[in-house]
N, C-alpha and C. Protein backbone atom coordinates (compact mmCIF):
# COMPACT_ATOMS: atom_id res chain seq x y z
N UNK A 1 -24.68 5.46 15.78
CA UNK A 1 -24.96 6.66 15.44
C UNK A 1 -24.37 7.59 16.45
N UNK A 2 -24.28 7.20 17.90
CA UNK A 2 -23.48 8.08 18.68
C UNK A 2 -22.23 8.20 18.59
N UNK A 3 -21.48 7.12 18.15
CA UNK A 3 -20.18 7.06 17.92
C UNK A 3 -19.68 8.04 16.63
N UNK A 4 -20.55 8.09 15.70
CA UNK A 4 -20.31 8.93 14.41
C UNK A 4 -20.48 10.39 15.09
N UNK A 5 -21.39 10.67 15.86
CA UNK A 5 -21.46 11.93 16.30
C UNK A 5 -20.26 12.56 16.84
N UNK A 6 -19.52 11.96 17.35
CA UNK A 6 -18.11 12.46 18.20
C UNK A 6 -17.30 13.00 17.15
N UNK A 7 -17.44 12.38 15.88
CA UNK A 7 -16.52 12.73 14.77
C UNK A 7 -17.19 13.94 13.84
N UNK A 8 -18.46 13.92 14.15
CA UNK A 8 -19.08 15.05 13.37
C UNK A 8 -19.99 15.89 14.42
N UNK A 9 -19.08 16.94 15.08
CA UNK A 9 -19.81 17.69 16.21
C UNK A 9 -20.89 18.54 15.44
N UNK A 10 -20.80 18.95 14.24
CA UNK A 10 -21.66 19.87 13.73
C UNK A 10 -22.93 19.28 13.04
N UNK A 11 -23.08 18.09 13.10
CA UNK A 11 -24.15 17.08 13.04
C UNK A 11 -24.64 17.33 11.18
N UNK A 12 -23.26 17.44 10.52
CA UNK A 12 -23.55 17.55 8.94
C UNK A 12 -24.14 16.25 8.32
N UNK A 13 -23.86 15.27 9.24
CA UNK A 13 -24.22 14.15 8.49
C UNK A 13 -23.02 13.21 7.36
N UNK A 14 -21.71 13.93 7.51
CA UNK A 14 -20.72 13.35 6.86
C UNK A 14 -19.47 13.54 7.72
N UNK A 15 -18.89 12.48 7.71
CA UNK A 15 -17.51 12.53 8.58
C UNK A 15 -16.21 12.17 7.38
N UNK A 16 -15.15 13.06 7.29
CA UNK A 16 -14.22 12.94 6.74
C UNK A 16 -13.31 11.81 7.34
N UNK A 17 -12.12 11.11 6.46
CA UNK A 17 -11.57 10.23 6.99
C UNK A 17 -10.50 10.85 8.06
N UNK A 18 -10.27 12.17 7.66
CA UNK A 18 -9.29 13.06 8.44
C UNK A 18 -9.85 13.45 9.76
N UNK A 19 -11.28 13.59 9.72
CA UNK A 19 -11.85 13.86 11.10
C UNK A 19 -12.05 12.66 11.87
N UNK A 20 -12.27 11.52 11.18
CA UNK A 20 -12.53 10.23 11.75
C UNK A 20 -11.26 9.88 12.61
N UNK A 21 -10.13 9.99 11.89
CA UNK A 21 -8.56 9.59 12.53
C UNK A 21 -8.39 10.58 13.56
N UNK A 22 -8.64 11.87 13.39
CA UNK A 22 -8.55 12.74 14.53
C UNK A 22 -9.41 12.38 15.91
N UNK A 23 -10.42 12.00 15.54
CA UNK A 23 -11.42 11.64 16.62
C UNK A 23 -10.97 10.24 17.37
N UNK A 24 -10.54 9.18 16.37
CA UNK A 24 -10.19 7.99 17.02
C UNK A 24 -8.91 7.63 16.27
N UNK A 25 -7.64 8.18 16.92
CA UNK A 25 -6.41 7.95 16.28
C UNK A 25 -5.91 6.58 15.85
N UNK A 26 -6.62 5.71 16.72
CA UNK A 26 -6.04 3.98 16.31
C UNK A 26 -6.55 3.70 15.09
N UNK A 27 -7.53 4.47 14.49
CA UNK A 27 -8.12 4.06 12.99
C UNK A 27 -6.81 3.95 11.97
N UNK A 28 -5.94 5.00 11.96
CA UNK A 28 -5.05 5.15 11.19
C UNK A 28 -4.06 3.98 11.20
N UNK A 29 -3.85 3.55 12.41
CA UNK A 29 -2.91 2.40 12.62
C UNK A 29 -3.42 1.16 12.13
N UNK A 30 -4.90 0.85 12.39
CA UNK A 30 -5.54 -0.21 11.93
C UNK A 30 -5.39 -0.31 10.47
N UNK A 31 -5.84 0.75 9.69
CA UNK A 31 -5.66 0.63 8.36
C UNK A 31 -4.28 0.20 7.82
N UNK A 32 -3.21 0.78 8.56
CA UNK A 32 -2.07 0.59 7.90
C UNK A 32 -1.67 -0.92 8.03
N UNK A 33 -2.13 -1.42 9.33
CA UNK A 33 -1.88 -2.77 9.53
C UNK A 33 -2.58 -3.81 9.16
N UNK A 34 -3.69 -3.58 8.64
CA UNK A 34 -4.99 -4.61 7.98
C UNK A 34 -4.34 -5.58 7.03
N UNK A 35 -3.11 -4.92 6.19
CA UNK A 35 -2.66 -5.79 5.10
C UNK A 35 -1.58 -6.95 5.66
N UNK A 36 -1.40 -7.02 6.84
CA UNK A 36 -0.40 -7.92 7.46
C UNK A 36 -1.46 -9.26 7.78
N UNK A 37 -1.17 -10.24 7.37
CA UNK A 37 -1.57 -11.56 7.48
C UNK A 37 -0.91 -12.45 8.36
N UNK A 38 -1.50 -13.71 8.96
CA UNK A 38 -1.09 -14.53 9.58
C UNK A 38 0.14 -15.37 8.83
N UNK A 39 0.95 -15.91 9.18
CA UNK A 39 2.05 -16.72 8.65
C UNK A 39 1.20 -17.77 7.74
N UNK A 40 1.71 -17.91 6.49
CA UNK A 40 1.43 -18.83 5.68
C UNK A 40 1.75 -20.57 6.04
N UNK A 41 1.37 -21.47 5.34
CA UNK A 41 1.80 -22.93 5.60
C UNK A 41 3.28 -23.04 5.85
N UNK A 42 4.16 -22.42 5.19
CA UNK A 42 5.42 -22.44 5.33
C UNK A 42 5.98 -21.61 6.39
N UNK A 43 5.16 -21.04 7.31
CA UNK A 43 5.78 -20.33 8.49
C UNK A 43 6.05 -18.79 8.28
N UNK A 44 5.95 -18.41 6.82
CA UNK A 44 6.67 -17.18 6.47
C UNK A 44 5.34 -15.93 6.57
N UNK A 45 5.74 -14.93 6.91
CA UNK A 45 4.85 -13.77 7.05
C UNK A 45 4.46 -13.27 5.69
N UNK A 46 3.07 -12.89 5.74
CA UNK A 46 2.57 -12.51 4.33
C UNK A 46 1.84 -11.05 4.64
N UNK A 47 1.81 -10.39 3.56
CA UNK A 47 0.88 -9.19 3.45
C UNK A 47 -0.06 -9.32 2.25
N UNK A 48 -1.19 -8.70 2.37
CA UNK A 48 -1.95 -8.70 1.15
C UNK A 48 -2.09 -7.26 0.55
N UNK A 49 -2.00 -7.17 -0.78
CA UNK A 49 -1.90 -5.91 -1.62
C UNK A 49 -3.31 -5.41 -1.48
N UNK A 50 -3.23 -3.94 -1.14
CA UNK A 50 -4.72 -3.31 -1.03
C UNK A 50 -5.26 -3.16 -2.60
N UNK A 51 -4.41 -3.22 -3.50
CA UNK A 51 -4.75 -2.72 -4.79
C UNK A 51 -5.44 -4.21 -5.48
N UNK A 52 -4.72 -5.23 -5.43
CA UNK A 52 -5.35 -6.28 -6.21
C UNK A 52 -5.45 -7.71 -5.49
N UNK A 53 -5.17 -7.55 -4.32
CA UNK A 53 -5.48 -8.48 -3.06
C UNK A 53 -4.65 -9.69 -2.98
N UNK A 54 -3.53 -9.74 -3.94
CA UNK A 54 -2.64 -10.82 -4.02
C UNK A 54 -1.87 -10.86 -2.64
N UNK A 55 -1.69 -12.21 -2.48
CA UNK A 55 -0.86 -12.55 -0.95
C UNK A 55 0.62 -12.63 -1.07
N UNK A 56 1.39 -11.75 -0.84
CA UNK A 56 2.96 -11.51 -0.97
C UNK A 56 3.49 -11.90 0.21
N UNK A 57 4.90 -12.47 -0.01
CA UNK A 57 5.59 -12.61 1.17
C UNK A 57 6.31 -11.35 1.84
N UNK A 58 6.41 -11.16 3.32
CA UNK A 58 6.82 -10.19 3.79
C UNK A 58 8.24 -9.63 3.30
N UNK A 59 8.90 -10.55 2.82
CA UNK A 59 10.26 -10.26 2.10
C UNK A 59 10.35 -9.44 0.92
N UNK A 60 9.02 -9.28 0.41
CA UNK A 60 8.84 -8.54 -1.01
C UNK A 60 8.08 -7.29 -0.46
N UNK A 61 8.87 -6.00 -1.06
CA UNK A 61 8.32 -4.63 -0.61
C UNK A 61 7.48 -4.26 -1.77
N UNK A 62 7.18 -4.97 -2.73
CA UNK A 62 6.25 -4.71 -3.73
C UNK A 62 5.42 -5.85 -4.09
N UNK A 63 4.02 -5.62 -4.49
CA UNK A 63 3.20 -6.69 -4.75
C UNK A 63 3.96 -7.46 -6.04
N UNK A 64 4.05 -8.92 -6.19
CA UNK A 64 4.58 -9.62 -7.18
C UNK A 64 3.37 -9.44 -8.53
N UNK A 65 2.35 -8.93 -8.31
CA UNK A 65 1.29 -9.14 -9.32
C UNK A 65 1.09 -7.59 -9.93
N UNK A 66 0.84 -6.74 -9.18
CA UNK A 66 0.62 -5.34 -9.77
C UNK A 66 1.92 -4.30 -9.24
N UNK A 67 2.90 -4.60 -8.93
CA UNK A 67 4.07 -3.89 -8.52
C UNK A 67 3.74 -2.46 -7.51
N UNK A 68 2.63 -2.46 -6.94
CA UNK A 68 2.54 -1.43 -5.92
C UNK A 68 3.22 -1.84 -4.76
N UNK A 69 3.36 -0.82 -4.13
CA UNK A 69 4.35 -1.18 -2.70
C UNK A 69 3.35 -0.90 -1.60
N UNK A 70 3.96 -1.16 -0.29
CA UNK A 70 3.10 -0.74 0.93
C UNK A 70 2.48 0.38 0.96
N UNK A 71 3.24 1.42 0.17
CA UNK A 71 2.78 2.83 0.25
C UNK A 71 1.32 3.05 -0.75
N UNK A 72 1.12 1.94 -1.50
CA UNK A 72 0.07 1.96 -2.57
C UNK A 72 0.35 2.80 -3.76
N UNK A 73 1.58 3.04 -3.85
CA UNK A 73 2.42 3.75 -4.95
C UNK A 73 3.35 2.73 -5.92
N UNK A 74 3.35 2.92 -6.97
CA UNK A 74 4.16 2.11 -8.00
C UNK A 74 5.80 2.09 -7.70
N UNK A 75 6.19 0.98 -7.45
CA UNK A 75 7.57 0.98 -6.95
C UNK A 75 8.27 -0.01 -7.74
N UNK A 76 9.60 0.24 -7.77
CA UNK A 76 10.46 -0.75 -8.74
C UNK A 76 10.77 -1.74 -7.90
N UNK A 77 10.50 -3.05 -8.17
CA UNK A 77 11.02 -4.40 -7.40
C UNK A 77 12.44 -4.31 -7.24
N UNK A 78 12.78 -4.97 -6.17
CA UNK A 78 14.06 -5.44 -5.80
C UNK A 78 14.49 -6.27 -7.03
N UNK A 79 15.92 -5.67 -7.64
CA UNK A 79 16.53 -6.67 -8.56
C UNK A 79 16.19 -6.11 -10.10
N UNK A 80 15.31 -4.99 -9.98
CA UNK A 80 14.73 -4.52 -11.35
C UNK A 80 15.07 -3.20 -11.45
N UNK A 81 15.18 -2.52 -12.74
CA UNK A 81 15.31 -1.11 -12.88
C UNK A 81 14.25 -0.63 -13.96
N UNK A 82 13.93 0.64 -14.16
CA UNK A 82 12.92 1.05 -15.09
C UNK A 82 13.59 2.37 -15.75
N UNK A 83 13.24 2.43 -16.82
CA UNK A 83 13.82 3.57 -17.90
C UNK A 83 12.96 4.79 -17.43
N UNK A 84 13.86 6.09 -17.59
CA UNK A 84 13.23 7.27 -17.28
C UNK A 84 13.46 8.02 -18.66
N UNK A 85 12.70 9.03 -18.44
CA UNK A 85 12.40 9.78 -19.82
C UNK A 85 13.74 10.72 -19.93
N UNK A 86 13.84 11.67 -20.96
CA UNK A 86 14.71 12.62 -21.10
C UNK A 86 14.94 13.56 -19.93
N UNK A 87 13.63 13.96 -19.29
CA UNK A 87 13.83 14.73 -18.14
C UNK A 87 13.92 14.14 -16.76
N UNK A 88 14.19 13.09 -16.77
CA UNK A 88 14.25 12.22 -15.42
C UNK A 88 12.88 11.66 -15.14
N UNK A 89 11.64 11.96 -15.73
CA UNK A 89 10.37 11.37 -15.71
C UNK A 89 9.96 10.70 -16.87
N UNK A 90 8.70 10.12 -16.68
CA UNK A 90 8.32 9.39 -17.81
C UNK A 90 9.09 8.19 -18.11
N UNK A 91 9.21 7.83 -19.25
CA UNK A 91 9.73 6.73 -19.78
C UNK A 91 8.92 5.33 -20.12
N UNK A 92 9.44 4.10 -19.89
CA UNK A 92 8.51 3.18 -20.18
C UNK A 92 7.98 2.38 -18.80
N UNK A 93 7.33 1.58 -18.98
CA UNK A 93 6.74 1.01 -17.78
C UNK A 93 7.12 -0.53 -17.36
N UNK A 94 8.11 -0.90 -18.23
CA UNK A 94 8.66 -2.15 -18.20
C UNK A 94 9.73 -2.13 -17.04
N UNK A 95 9.63 -3.29 -15.99
CA UNK A 95 10.67 -3.25 -15.11
C UNK A 95 11.64 -4.36 -15.47
N UNK A 96 12.90 -3.97 -15.85
CA UNK A 96 13.95 -4.48 -16.31
C UNK A 96 14.73 -5.40 -15.52
N UNK A 97 15.20 -6.67 -15.58
CA UNK A 97 16.01 -7.41 -14.64
C UNK A 97 17.36 -6.46 -14.64
N UNK A 98 18.00 -6.60 -13.42
CA UNK A 98 19.48 -5.86 -13.32
C UNK A 98 20.50 -6.56 -14.38
N UNK A 99 20.14 -7.67 -14.67
CA UNK A 99 21.03 -8.48 -15.50
C UNK A 99 21.14 -7.90 -16.93
N UNK A 100 19.80 -7.15 -17.21
CA UNK A 100 19.89 -6.81 -18.57
C UNK A 100 19.94 -5.17 -18.67
N UNK A 101 20.96 -4.69 -17.73
CA UNK A 101 21.37 -3.30 -18.00
C UNK A 101 22.12 -2.97 -18.90
N UNK A 102 21.93 -1.93 -19.75
CA UNK A 102 22.70 -1.50 -20.76
C UNK A 102 23.63 -0.43 -20.56
């Protein structure tokens, strides 16, 4: 309770993430790095997707299951492309292989 009072100087009983990180700056670093896991049986470094918890190779910038990247945003996986709508936004949600570009 006394640690929380450092981030809640007005004793409101609530601490936002922004106030917590401002009080304890290393919290932001720990949150970013928590997805990195020890090396797997093959000796390759791995990371765990925060969205679906799938264990991915560090060589992959996007999750092999849900296609969310390290940023937590949907990203186009390497070697694939996605359609865009007429205004450069929207389009379909399928990631097409580069070999199928038309």
